[in-house]
Amino acid sequence: MKELEIIIKPEKLENLKRILDSEGANGVMISNIFGYGKQKGVRQVYTRDDNVGVNLLPKLSVRTVVKDEIVDGIIKKVLSELNTGSFGDGKIFIKNIENAVKIRTGEIGDEALE
């Protein structure tokens, strides 16, 4: 099992949900986050001193845990469909998951993901 944390622009959420559904991901966790990468964000000045400002961009962190065999398909579709070629398209972080247990049924491992 793998956990995918996919950082995207908020306007790409529906596209990402469609990709995850088509590849067989059974659930997602979504968080609103702020951050910046190589482009250092957009400078927004909140005081009269133009040296002070917030340079964080709104993003979404979409997390899902999936079976190993569908990870590559998800990554390929995200790269082909969500890539605009611009700074800020996002990142995908892939983490190994040792095990999972569904609390309602007691199912363990891949069965807990369904």
PDB file of N, CA and C in Angstrom:
ATOM      1  N   MET A   1       0.842  -1.175   0.000  1.00  0.00           N
ATOM      2  CA  MET A   1       0.000   0.000   0.000  1.00  0.00           C
ATOM      3  C   MET A   1       0.885   1.236   0.000  1.00  0.00           C
ATOM      4  N   LYS A   2       0.374   2.270  -0.643  1.00  0.00           N
ATOM      5  CA  LYS A   2       1.079   3.544  -0.708  1.00  0.00           C
ATOM      6  C   LYS A   2       0.112   4.661  -0.337  1.00  0.00           C
ATOM      7  N   GLU A   3       0.650   5.678   0.338  1.00  0.00           N
ATOM      8  CA  GLU A   3      -0.098   6.914   0.539  1.00  0.00           C
ATOM      9  C   GLU A   3       0.426   7.916  -0.468  1.00  0.00           C
ATOM     10  N   LEU A   4      -0.474   8.489  -1.237  1.00  0.00           N
ATOM     11  CA  LEU A   4      -0.134   9.547  -2.168  1.00  0.00           C
ATOM     12  C   LEU A   4      -0.615  10.849  -1.562  1.00  0.00           C
ATOM     13  N   GLU A   5       0.292  11.804  -1.441  1.00  0.00           N
ATOM     14  CA  GLU A   5      -0.094  13.159  -1.066  1.00  0.00           C
ATOM     15  C   GLU A   5       0.153  14.001  -2.295  1.00  0.00           C
ATOM     16  N   ILE A   6      -0.923  14.526  -2.857  1.00  0.00           N
ATOM     17  CA  ILE A   6      -0.856  15.253  -4.115  1.00  0.00           C
ATOM     18  C   ILE A   6      -1.199  16.712  -3.812  1.00  0.00           C
ATOM     19  N   ILE A   7      -0.216  17.587  -4.024  1.00  0.00           N
ATOM     20  CA  ILE A   7      -0.399  19.016  -3.780  1.00  0.00           C
ATOM     21  C   ILE A   7      -0.771  19.668  -5.113  1.00  0.00           C
ATOM     22  N   ILE A   8      -1.927  20.330  -5.156  1.00  0.00           N
ATOM     23  CA  ILE A   8      -2.421  20.890  -6.415  1.00  0.00           C
ATOM     24  C   ILE A   8      -2.995  22.283  -6.198  1.00  0.00           C
ATOM     25  N   LYS A   9      -3.224  22.971  -7.311  1.00  0.00           N
ATOM     26  CA  LYS A   9      -3.975  24.223  -7.287  1.00  0.00           C
ATOM     27  C   LYS A   9      -5.438  23.883  -7.015  1.00  0.00           C
ATOM     28  N   PRO A  10      -6.144  24.698  -6.231  1.00  0.00           N
ATOM     29  CA  PRO A  10      -7.535  24.383  -5.890  1.00  0.00           C
ATOM     30  C   PRO A  10      -8.437  24.145  -7.103  1.00  0.00           C
ATOM     31  N   GLU A  11      -8.202  24.855  -8.198  1.00  0.00           N
ATOM     32  CA  GLU A  11      -9.076  24.704  -9.365  1.00  0.00           C
ATOM     33  C   GLU A  11      -8.910  23.357 -10.070  1.00  0.00           C
ATOM     34  N   LYS A  12      -7.918  22.571  -9.685  1.00  0.00           N
ATOM     35  CA  LYS A  12      -7.674  21.257 -10.302  1.00  0.00           C
ATOM     36  C   LYS A  12      -8.313  20.111  -9.524  1.00  0.00           C
ATOM     37  N   LEU A  13      -9.025  20.424  -8.437  1.00  0.00           N
ATOM     38  CA  LEU A  13      -9.565  19.369  -7.579  1.00  0.00           C
ATOM     39  C   LEU A  13     -10.516  18.433  -8.304  1.00  0.00           C
ATOM     40  N   GLU A  14     -11.465  18.950  -9.050  1.00  0.00           N
ATOM     41  CA  GLU A  14     -12.435  18.070  -9.723  1.00  0.00           C
ATOM     42  C   GLU A  14     -11.733  17.138 -10.716  1.00  0.00           C
ATOM     43  N   ASN A  15     -10.741  17.659 -11.427  1.00  0.00           N
ATOM     44  CA  ASN A  15      -9.969  16.809 -12.352  1.00  0.00           C
ATOM     45  C   ASN A  15      -9.260  15.693 -11.596  1.00  0.00           C
ATOM     46  N   LEU A  16      -8.658  16.032 -10.459  1.00  0.00           N
ATOM     47  CA  LEU A  16      -7.947  15.024  -9.678  1.00  0.00           C
ATOM     48  C   LEU A  16      -8.902  13.985  -9.118  1.00  0.00           C
ATOM     49  N   LYS A  17     -10.059  14.417  -8.622  1.00  0.00           N
ATOM     50  CA  LYS A  17     -11.035  13.452  -8.104  1.00  0.00           C
ATOM     51  C   LYS A  17     -11.479  12.482  -9.202  1.00  0.00           C
ATOM     52  N   ARG A  18     -11.668  13.009 -10.411  1.00  0.00           N
ATOM     53  CA  ARG A  18     -12.055  12.152 -11.533  1.00  0.00           C
ATOM     54  C   ARG A  18     -10.958  11.114 -11.827  1.00  0.00           C
ATOM     55  N   ILE A  19      -9.699  11.550 -11.810  1.00  0.00           N
ATOM     56  CA  ILE A  19      -8.577  10.634 -12.047  1.00  0.00           C
ATOM     57  C   ILE A  19      -8.542   9.549 -10.974  1.00  0.00           C
ATOM     58  N   LEU A  20      -8.639   9.949  -9.719  1.00  0.00           N
ATOM     59  CA  LEU A  20      -8.577   8.971  -8.623  1.00  0.00           C
ATOM     60  C   LEU A  20      -9.728   7.976  -8.710  1.00  0.00           C
ATOM     61  N   ASP A  21     -10.925   8.464  -9.017  1.00  0.00           N
ATOM     62  CA  ASP A  21     -12.078   7.564  -9.161  1.00  0.00           C
ATOM     63  C   ASP A  21     -11.876   6.591 -10.315  1.00  0.00           C
ATOM     64  N   SER A  22     -11.365   7.083 -11.434  1.00  0.00           N
ATOM     65  CA  SER A  22     -11.188   6.222 -12.609  1.00  0.00           C
ATOM     66  C   SER A  22     -10.115   5.157 -12.389  1.00  0.00           C
ATOM     67  N   GLU A  23      -9.170   5.431 -11.509  1.00  0.00           N
ATOM     68  CA  GLU A  23      -8.089   4.475 -11.250  1.00  0.00           C
ATOM     69  C   GLU A  23      -8.387   3.531 -10.090  1.00  0.00           C
ATOM     70  N   GLY A  24      -9.493   3.754  -9.385  1.00  0.00           N
ATOM     71  CA  GLY A  24      -9.891   2.831  -8.331  1.00  0.00           C
ATOM     72  C   GLY A  24      -9.501   3.235  -6.923  1.00  0.00           C
ATOM     73  N   ALA A  25      -9.147   4.487  -6.705  1.00  0.00           N
ATOM     74  CA  ALA A  25      -8.903   4.963  -5.339  1.00  0.00           C
ATOM     75  C   ALA A  25     -10.256   5.070  -4.637  1.00  0.00           C
ATOM     76  N   ASN A  26     -10.336   4.583  -3.411  1.00  0.00           N
ATOM     77  CA  ASN A  26     -11.630   4.500  -2.744  1.00  0.00           C
ATOM     78  C   ASN A  26     -11.924   5.607  -1.753  1.00  0.00           C
ATOM     79  N   GLY A  27     -11.027   6.540  -1.580  1.00  0.00           N
ATOM     80  CA  GLY A  27     -11.290   7.632  -0.649  1.00  0.00           C
ATOM     81  C   GLY A  27     -10.181   8.654  -0.691  1.00  0.00           C
ATOM     82  N   VAL A  28     -10.515   9.870  -0.297  1.00  0.00           N
ATOM     83  CA  VAL A  28      -9.524  10.941  -0.257  1.00  0.00           C
ATOM     84  C   VAL A  28      -9.712  11.768   1.011  1.00  0.00           C
ATOM     85  N   MET A  29      -8.644  12.416   1.430  1.00  0.00           N
ATOM     86  CA  MET A  29      -8.669  13.390   2.517  1.00  0.00           C
ATOM     87  C   MET A  29      -8.118  14.670   1.923  1.00  0.00           C
ATOM     88  N   ILE A  30      -8.825  15.772   2.086  1.00  0.00           N
ATOM     89  CA  ILE A  30      -8.440  17.026   1.441  1.00  0.00           C
ATOM     90  C   ILE A  30      -8.263  18.100   2.511  1.00  0.00           C
ATOM     91  N   SER A  31      -7.137  18.814   2.427  1.00  0.00           N
ATOM     92  CA  SER A  31      -6.850  19.911   3.348  1.00  0.00           C
ATOM     93  C   SER A  31      -6.501  21.159   2.550  1.00  0.00           C
ATOM     94  N   ASN A  32      -6.997  22.298   3.019  1.00  0.00           N
ATOM     95  CA  ASN A  32      -6.565  23.586   2.471  1.00  0.00           C
ATOM     96  C   ASN A  32      -5.221  23.920   3.101  1.00  0.00           C
ATOM     97  N   ILE A  33      -4.253  24.259   2.268  1.00  0.00           N
ATOM     98  CA  ILE A  33      -2.932  24.609   2.762  1.00  0.00           C
ATOM     99  C   ILE A  33      -2.444  25.864   2.047  1.00  0.00           C
ATOM    100  N   PHE A  34      -1.386  26.459   2.559  1.00  0.00           N
ATOM    101  CA  PHE A  34      -0.720  27.592   1.926  1.00  0.00           C
ATOM    102  C   PHE A  34       0.759  27.284   1.868  1.00  0.00           C
ATOM    103  N   GLY A  35       1.404  27.709   0.797  1.00  0.00           N
ATOM    104  CA  GLY A  35       2.827  27.480   0.696  1.00  0.00           C
ATOM    105  C   GLY A  35       3.395  28.102  -0.556  1.00  0.00           C
ATOM    106  N   TYR A  36       4.676  27.862  -0.747  1.00  0.00           N
ATOM    107  CA  TYR A  36       5.323  28.296  -1.977  1.00  0.00           C
ATOM    108  C   TYR A  36       6.469  27.359  -2.277  1.00  0.00           C
ATOM    109  N   GLY A  37       6.873  27.352  -3.528  1.00  0.00           N
ATOM    110  CA  GLY A  37       7.989  26.546  -3.982  1.00  0.00           C
ATOM    111  C   GLY A  37       9.055  27.431  -4.580  1.00  0.00           C
ATOM    112  N   LYS A  38       9.578  26.991  -5.674  1.00  0.00           N
ATOM    113  CA  LYS A  38      10.698  27.676  -6.309  1.00  0.00           C
ATOM    114  C   LYS A  38      10.374  29.119  -6.690  1.00  0.00           C
ATOM    115  N   GLN A  39       9.115  29.382  -7.072  1.00  0.00           N
ATOM    116  CA  GLN A  39       8.744  30.735  -7.513  1.00  0.00           C
ATOM    117  C   GLN A  39       8.556  31.698  -6.350  1.00  0.00           C
ATOM    118  N   LYS A  40       8.613  31.229  -5.126  1.00  0.00           N
ATOM    119  CA  LYS A  40       8.516  32.042  -3.903  1.00  0.00           C
ATOM    120  C   LYS A  40       7.181  32.726  -3.706  1.00  0.00           C
ATOM    121  N   GLY A  41       6.161  32.276  -4.379  1.00  0.00           N
ATOM    122  CA  GLY A  41       4.819  32.765  -4.115  1.00  0.00           C
ATOM    123  C   GLY A  41       4.546  34.156  -4.660  1.00  0.00           C
ATOM    124  N   VAL A  42       3.405  34.660  -4.304  1.00  0.00           N
ATOM    125  CA  VAL A  42       2.959  35.989  -4.715  1.00  0.00           C
ATOM    126  C   VAL A  42       3.079  36.898  -3.511  1.00  0.00           C
ATOM    127  N   ARG A  43       3.720  38.003  -3.685  1.00  0.00           N
ATOM    128  CA  ARG A  43       3.904  38.932  -2.573  1.00  0.00           C
ATOM    129  C   ARG A  43       2.646  39.767  -2.388  1.00  0.00           C
ATOM    130  N   GLN A  44       2.057  39.675  -1.215  1.00  0.00           N
ATOM    131  CA  GLN A  44       0.889  40.478  -0.867  1.00  0.00           C
ATOM    132  C   GLN A  44       1.270  41.345   0.319  1.00  0.00           C
ATOM    133  N   VAL A  45       1.203  42.646   0.161  1.00  0.00           N
ATOM    134  CA  VAL A  45       1.631  43.568   1.210  1.00  0.00           C
ATOM    135  C   VAL A  45       0.431  43.965   2.058  1.00  0.00           C
ATOM    136  N   TYR A  46       0.550  43.776   3.376  1.00  0.00           N
ATOM    137  CA  TYR A  46      -0.538  44.110   4.290  1.00  0.00           C
ATOM    138  C   TYR A  46      -0.222  45.328   5.151  1.00  0.00           C
ATOM    139  N   THR A  47       0.940  45.921   4.981  1.00  0.00           N
ATOM    140  CA  THR A  47       1.293  47.110   5.751  1.00  0.00           C
ATOM    141  C   THR A  47       1.836  48.165   4.800  1.00  0.00           C
ATOM    142  N   ARG A  48       2.107  49.338   5.327  1.00  0.00           N
ATOM    143  CA  ARG A  48       2.682  50.394   4.494  1.00  0.00           C
ATOM    144  C   ARG A  48       4.150  50.139   4.185  1.00  0.00           C
ATOM    145  N   ASP A  49       4.785  49.287   4.960  1.00  0.00           N
ATOM    146  CA  ASP A  49       6.185  48.925   4.719  1.00  0.00           C
ATOM    147  C   ASP A  49       6.210  47.843   3.654  1.00  0.00           C
ATOM    148  N   ASP A  50       6.649  48.179   2.441  1.00  0.00           N
ATOM    149  CA  ASP A  50       6.568  47.215   1.345  1.00  0.00           C
ATOM    150  C   ASP A  50       7.610  46.101   1.445  1.00  0.00           C
ATOM    151  N   ASN A  51       8.410  46.077   2.512  1.00  0.00           N
ATOM    152  CA  ASN A  51       9.339  44.972   2.727  1.00  0.00           C
ATOM    153  C   ASN A  51       8.688  43.823   3.495  1.00  0.00           C
ATOM    154  N   VAL A  52       7.494  44.055   3.996  1.00  0.00           N
ATOM    155  CA  VAL A  52       6.804  43.039   4.771  1.00  0.00           C
ATOM    156  C   VAL A  52       5.614  42.555   3.953  1.00  0.00           C
ATOM    157  N   GLY A  53       5.415  41.276   3.916  1.00  0.00           N
ATOM    158  CA  GLY A  53       4.269  40.746   3.190  1.00  0.00           C
ATOM    159  C   GLY A  53       4.181  39.237   3.332  1.00  0.00           C
ATOM    160  N   VAL A  54       3.108  38.708   2.858  1.00  0.00           N
ATOM    161  CA  VAL A  54       2.892  37.269   2.891  1.00  0.00           C
ATOM    162  C   VAL A  54       3.046  36.751   1.475  1.00  0.00           C
ATOM    163  N   ASN A  55       3.869  35.750   1.290  1.00  0.00           N
ATOM    164  CA  ASN A  55       4.089  35.230  -0.052  1.00  0.00           C
ATOM    165  C   ASN A  55       3.664  33.767  -0.145  1.00  0.00           C
ATOM    166  N   LEU A  56       2.534  33.455   0.428  1.00  0.00           N
ATOM    167  CA  LEU A  56       2.041  32.087   0.413  1.00  0.00           C
ATOM    168  C   LEU A  56       0.867  31.964  -0.553  1.00  0.00           C
ATOM    169  N   LEU A  57       0.866  30.890  -1.308  1.00  0.00           N
ATOM    170  CA  LEU A  57      -0.195  30.635  -2.283  1.00  0.00           C
ATOM    171  C   LEU A  57      -1.150  29.584  -1.751  1.00  0.00           C
ATOM    172  N   PRO A  58      -2.451  29.706  -2.050  1.00  0.00           N
ATOM    173  CA  PRO A  58      -3.395  28.671  -1.631  1.00  0.00           C
ATOM    174  C   PRO A  58      -3.207  27.411  -2.472  1.00  0.00           C
ATOM    175  N   LYS A  59      -3.185  26.280  -1.808  1.00  0.00           N
ATOM    176  CA  LYS A  59      -3.060  24.969  -2.457  1.00  0.00           C
ATOM    177  C   LYS A  59      -3.997  24.003  -1.746  1.00  0.00           C
ATOM    178  N   LEU A  60      -4.168  22.838  -2.330  1.00  0.00           N
ATOM    179  CA  LEU A  60      -4.880  21.750  -1.680  1.00  0.00           C
ATOM    180  C   LEU A  60      -3.923  20.581  -1.520  1.00  0.00           C
ATOM    181  N   SER A  61      -4.005  19.937  -0.377  1.00  0.00           N
ATOM    182  CA  SER A  61      -3.290  18.685  -0.151  1.00  0.00           C
ATOM    183  C   SER A  61      -4.342  17.576  -0.213  1.00  0.00           C
ATOM    184  N   VAL A  62      -4.208  16.708  -1.207  1.00  0.00           N
ATOM    185  CA  VAL A  62      -5.145  15.604  -1.386  1.00  0.00           C
ATOM    186  C   VAL A  62      -4.394  14.321  -1.066  1.00  0.00           C
ATOM    187  N   ARG A  63      -4.863  13.606  -0.052  1.00  0.00           N
ATOM    188  CA  ARG A  63      -4.194  12.374   0.375  1.00  0.00           C
ATOM    189  C   ARG A  63      -5.111  11.191   0.145  1.00  0.00           C
ATOM    190  N   THR A  64      -4.506  10.100  -0.296  1.00  0.00           N
ATOM    191  CA  THR A  64      -5.235   8.856  -0.471  1.00  0.00           C
ATOM    192  C   THR A  64      -4.277   7.702  -0.246  1.00  0.00           C
ATOM    193  N   VAL A  65      -4.800   6.602   0.250  1.00  0.00           N
ATOM    194  CA  VAL A  65      -4.015   5.373   0.402  1.00  0.00           C
ATOM    195  C   VAL A  65      -4.584   4.369  -0.589  1.00  0.00           C
ATOM    196  N   VAL A  66      -3.699   3.811  -1.425  1.00  0.00           N
ATOM    197  CA  VAL A  66      -4.136   2.932  -2.506  1.00  0.00           C
ATOM    198  C   VAL A  66      -3.274   1.679  -2.557  1.00  0.00           C
ATOM    199  N   LYS A  67      -3.780   0.688  -3.288  1.00  0.00           N
ATOM    200  CA  LYS A  67      -3.007  -0.531  -3.531  1.00  0.00           C
ATOM    201  C   LYS A  67      -1.810  -0.203  -4.415  1.00  0.00           C
ATOM    202  N   ASP A  68      -0.717  -0.918  -4.214  1.00  0.00           N
ATOM    203  CA  ASP A  68       0.520  -0.669  -4.964  1.00  0.00           C
ATOM    204  C   ASP A  68       0.311  -0.688  -6.474  1.00  0.00           C
ATOM    205  N   GLU A  69      -0.545  -1.579  -6.953  1.00  0.00           N
ATOM    206  CA  GLU A  69      -0.683  -1.765  -8.402  1.00  0.00           C
ATOM    207  C   GLU A  69      -1.358  -0.610  -9.139  1.00  0.00           C
ATOM    208  N   ILE A  70      -2.007   0.304  -8.426  1.00  0.00           N
ATOM    209  CA  ILE A  70      -2.650   1.414  -9.140  1.00  0.00           C
ATOM    210  C   ILE A  70      -1.879   2.734  -9.026  1.00  0.00           C
ATOM    211  N   VAL A  71      -0.772   2.731  -8.282  1.00  0.00           N
ATOM    212  CA  VAL A  71      -0.005   3.963  -8.073  1.00  0.00           C
ATOM    213  C   VAL A  71       0.505   4.530  -9.396  1.00  0.00           C
ATOM    214  N   ASP A  72       1.139   3.707 -10.213  1.00  0.00           N
ATOM    215  CA  ASP A  72       1.719   4.208 -11.466  1.00  0.00           C
ATOM    216  C   ASP A  72       0.669   4.805 -12.395  1.00  0.00           C
ATOM    217  N   GLY A  73      -0.510   4.188 -12.470  1.00  0.00           N
ATOM    218  CA  GLY A  73      -1.577   4.715 -13.318  1.00  0.00           C
ATOM    219  C   GLY A  73      -2.053   6.081 -12.858  1.00  0.00           C
ATOM    220  N   ILE A  74      -2.171   6.245 -11.542  1.00  0.00           N
ATOM    221  CA  ILE A  74      -2.589   7.541 -10.998  1.00  0.00           C
ATOM    222  C   ILE A  74      -1.546   8.599 -11.331  1.00  0.00           C
ATOM    223  N   ILE A  75      -0.284   8.282 -11.101  1.00  0.00           N
ATOM    224  CA  ILE A  75       0.783   9.258 -11.349  1.00  0.00           C
ATOM    225  C   ILE A  75       0.825   9.651 -12.821  1.00  0.00           C
ATOM    226  N   LYS A  76       0.740   8.677 -13.712  1.00  0.00           N
ATOM    227  CA  LYS A  76       0.782   8.986 -15.151  1.00  0.00           C
ATOM    228  C   LYS A  76      -0.361   9.906 -15.561  1.00  0.00           C
ATOM    229  N   LYS A  77      -1.579   9.625 -15.064  1.00  0.00           N
ATOM    230  CA  LYS A  77      -2.728  10.464 -15.419  1.00  0.00           C
ATOM    231  C   LYS A  77      -2.620  11.866 -14.829  1.00  0.00           C
ATOM    232  N   VAL A  78      -2.134  11.963 -13.592  1.00  0.00           N
ATOM    233  CA  VAL A  78      -1.961  13.287 -12.985  1.00  0.00           C
ATOM    234  C   VAL A  78      -0.951  14.095 -13.793  1.00  0.00           C
ATOM    235  N   LEU A  79       0.166  13.467 -14.165  1.00  0.00           N
ATOM    236  CA  LEU A  79       1.189  14.177 -14.937  1.00  0.00           C
ATOM    237  C   LEU A  79       0.670  14.620 -16.299  1.00  0.00           C
ATOM    238  N   SER A  80      -0.140  13.794 -16.941  1.00  0.00           N
ATOM    239  CA  SER A  80      -0.603  14.156 -18.284  1.00  0.00           C
ATOM    240  C   SER A  80      -1.782  15.127 -18.265  1.00  0.00           C
ATOM    241  N   GLU A  81      -2.636  15.071 -17.235  1.00  0.00           N
ATOM    242  CA  GLU A  81      -3.851  15.875 -17.242  1.00  0.00           C
ATOM    243  C   GLU A  81      -3.798  17.148 -16.396  1.00  0.00           C
ATOM    244  N   LEU A  82      -2.934  17.185 -15.374  1.00  0.00           N
ATOM    245  CA  LEU A  82      -2.895  18.356 -14.510  1.00  0.00           C
ATOM    246  C   LEU A  82      -1.686  19.248 -14.762  1.00  0.00           C
ATOM    247  N   ASN A  83      -0.793  18.831 -15.616  1.00  0.00           N
ATOM    248  CA  ASN A  83       0.420  19.587 -15.912  1.00  0.00           C
ATOM    249  C   ASN A  83       0.107  20.737 -16.856  1.00  0.00           C
ATOM    250  N   THR A  84       0.401  21.962 -16.405  1.00  0.00           N
ATOM    251  CA  THR A  84       0.243  23.133 -17.278  1.00  0.00           C
ATOM    252  C   THR A  84       1.593  23.640 -17.763  1.00  0.00           C
ATOM    253  N   GLY A  85       2.670  23.103 -17.206  1.00  0.00           N
ATOM    254  CA  GLY A  85       4.008  23.565 -17.559  1.00  0.00           C
ATOM    255  C   GLY A  85       4.412  24.832 -16.835  1.00  0.00           C
ATOM    256  N   SER A  86       3.616  25.259 -15.874  1.00  0.00           N
ATOM    257  CA  SER A  86       3.893  26.492 -15.133  1.00  0.00           C
ATOM    258  C   SER A  86       4.346  26.168 -13.714  1.00  0.00           C
ATOM    259  N   PHE A  87       5.073  27.114 -13.109  1.00  0.00           N
ATOM    260  CA  PHE A  87       5.397  26.979 -11.695  1.00  0.00           C
ATOM    261  C   PHE A  87       4.102  26.832 -10.912  1.00  0.00           C
ATOM    262  N   GLY A  88       4.136  26.017  -9.871  1.00  0.00           N
ATOM    263  CA  GLY A  88       2.978  25.889  -8.997  1.00  0.00           C
ATOM    264  C   GLY A  88       2.015  24.790  -9.374  1.00  0.00           C
ATOM    265  N   ASP A  89       2.362  23.957 -10.379  1.00  0.00           N
ATOM    266  CA  ASP A  89       1.475  22.846 -10.737  1.00  0.00           C
ATOM    267  C   ASP A  89       1.320  21.862  -9.588  1.00  0.00           C
ATOM    268  N   GLY A  90       2.324  21.740  -8.734  1.00  0.00           N
ATOM    269  CA  GLY A  90       2.211  20.885  -7.560  1.00  0.00           C
ATOM    270  C   GLY A  90       3.253  19.795  -7.512  1.00  0.00           C
ATOM    271  N   LYS A  91       3.046  18.887  -6.570  1.00  0.00           N
ATOM    272  CA  LYS A  91       3.953  17.766  -6.369  1.00  0.00           C
ATOM    273  C   LYS A  91       3.155  16.554  -5.920  1.00  0.00           C
ATOM    274  N   ILE A  92       3.784  15.382  -6.090  1.00  0.00           N
ATOM    275  CA  ILE A  92       3.218  14.136  -5.579  1.00  0.00           C
ATOM    276  C   ILE A  92       4.251  13.526  -4.646  1.00  0.00           C
ATOM    277  N   PHE A  93       3.842  13.240  -3.424  1.00  0.00           N
ATOM    278  CA  PHE A  93       4.700  12.559  -2.463  1.00  0.00           C
ATOM    279  C   PHE A  93       4.158  11.148  -2.283  1.00  0.00           C
ATOM    280  N   ILE A  94       5.040  10.168  -2.304  1.00  0.00           N
ATOM    281  CA  ILE A  94       4.642   8.765  -2.230  1.00  0.00           C
ATOM    282  C   ILE A  94       5.287   8.162  -0.985  1.00  0.00           C
ATOM    283  N   LYS A  95       4.454   7.596  -0.116  1.00  0.00           N
ATOM    284  CA  LYS A  95       4.939   7.024   1.135  1.00  0.00           C
ATOM    285  C   LYS A  95       4.480   5.574   1.244  1.00  0.00           C
ATOM    286  N   ASN A  96       5.335   4.732   1.780  1.00  0.00           N
ATOM    287  CA  ASN A  96       4.957   3.346   2.049  1.00  0.00           C
ATOM    288  C   ASN A  96       4.049   3.297   3.280  1.00  0.00           C
ATOM    289  N   ILE A  97       3.011   2.476   3.200  1.00  0.00           N
ATOM    290  CA  ILE A  97       2.106   2.257   4.324  1.00  0.00           C
ATOM    291  C   ILE A  97       2.275   0.807   4.760  1.00  0.00           C
ATOM    292  N   GLU A  98       2.589   0.627   6.017  1.00  0.00           N
ATOM    293  CA  GLU A  98       2.848  -0.710   6.534  1.00  0.00           C
ATOM    294  C   GLU A  98       1.590  -1.573   6.582  1.00  0.00           C
ATOM    295  N   ASN A  99       0.496  -0.994   7.041  1.00  0.00           N
ATOM    296  CA  ASN A  99      -0.735  -1.766   7.158  1.00  0.00           C
ATOM    297  C   ASN A  99      -1.903  -0.805   7.334  1.00  0.00           C
ATOM    298  N   ALA A 100      -3.108  -1.334   7.192  1.00  0.00           N
ATOM    299  CA  ALA A 100      -4.334  -0.573   7.422  1.00  0.00           C
ATOM    300  C   ALA A 100      -5.365  -1.499   8.043  1.00  0.00           C
ATOM    301  N   VAL A 101      -6.202  -0.949   8.888  1.00  0.00           N
ATOM    302  CA  VAL A 101      -7.273  -1.714   9.523  1.00  0.00           C
ATOM    303  C   VAL A 101      -8.549  -0.900   9.412  1.00  0.00           C
ATOM    304  N   LYS A 102      -9.597  -1.513   8.849  1.00  0.00           N
ATOM    305  CA  LYS A 102     -10.903  -0.841   8.796  1.00  0.00           C
ATOM    306  C   LYS A 102     -11.587  -1.067  10.138  1.00  0.00           C
ATOM    307  N   ILE A 103     -11.871   0.010  10.840  1.00  0.00           N
ATOM    308  CA  ILE A 103     -12.418  -0.082  12.192  1.00  0.00           C
ATOM    309  C   ILE A 103     -13.778  -0.772  12.211  1.00  0.00           C
ATOM    310  N   ARG A 104     -14.641  -0.457  11.241  1.00  0.00           N
ATOM    311  CA  ARG A 104     -16.003  -1.008  11.237  1.00  0.00           C
ATOM    312  C   ARG A 104     -16.025  -2.527  11.120  1.00  0.00           C
ATOM    313  N   THR A 105     -15.164  -3.085  10.258  1.00  0.00           N
ATOM    314  CA  THR A 105     -15.226  -4.532   9.973  1.00  0.00           C
ATOM    315  C   THR A 105     -14.032  -5.318  10.484  1.00  0.00           C
ATOM    316  N   GLY A 106     -12.959  -4.640  10.832  1.00  0.00           N
ATOM    317  CA  GLY A 106     -11.755  -5.333  11.252  1.00  0.00           C
ATOM    318  C   GLY A 106     -10.912  -5.849  10.097  1.00  0.00           C
ATOM    319  N   GLU A 107     -11.304  -5.526   8.846  1.00  0.00           N
ATOM    320  CA  GLU A 107     -10.512  -5.967   7.693  1.00  0.00           C
ATOM    321  C   GLU A 107      -9.125  -5.340   7.757  1.00  0.00           C
ATOM    322  N   ILE A 108      -8.138  -6.102   7.270  1.00  0.00           N
ATOM    323  CA  ILE A 108      -6.737  -5.687   7.368  1.00  0.00           C
ATOM    324  C   ILE A 108      -6.110  -5.673   5.980  1.00  0.00           C
ATOM    325  N   GLY A 109      -5.139  -4.769   5.803  1.00  0.00           N
ATOM    326  CA  GLY A 109      -4.375  -4.701   4.557  1.00  0.00           C
ATOM    327  C   GLY A 109      -5.182  -4.098   3.418  1.00  0.00           C
ATOM    328  N   ASP A 110      -4.947  -4.619   2.193  1.00  0.00           N
ATOM    329  CA  ASP A 110      -5.640  -4.104   1.011  1.00  0.00           C
ATOM    330  C   ASP A 110      -7.165  -4.182   1.146  1.00  0.00           C
ATOM    331  N   GLU A 111      -7.671  -5.194   1.851  1.00  0.00           N
ATOM    332  CA  GLU A 111      -9.111  -5.329   2.038  1.00  0.00           C
ATOM    333  C   GLU A 111      -9.700  -4.149   2.806  1.00  0.00           C
ATOM    334  N   ALA A 112      -8.901  -3.544   3.674  1.00  0.00           N
ATOM    335  CA  ALA A 112      -9.371  -2.393   4.457  1.00  0.00           C
ATOM    336  C   ALA A 112      -9.551  -1.149   3.596  1.00  0.00           C
ATOM    337  N   LEU A 113      -8.958  -1.141   2.413  1.00  0.00           N
ATOM    338  CA  LEU A 113      -9.058   0.024   1.533  1.00  0.00           C
ATOM    339  C   LEU A 113     -10.348   0.045   0.733  1.00  0.00           C
ATOM    340  N   GLU A 114     -11.069  -1.027   0.705  1.00  0.00           N
ATOM    341  CA  GLU A 114     -12.285  -1.116  -0.118  1.00  0.00           C
ATOM    342  C   GLU A 114     -13.529  -0.796   0.667  1.00  0.00           C
TER     343      GLU A 114
END
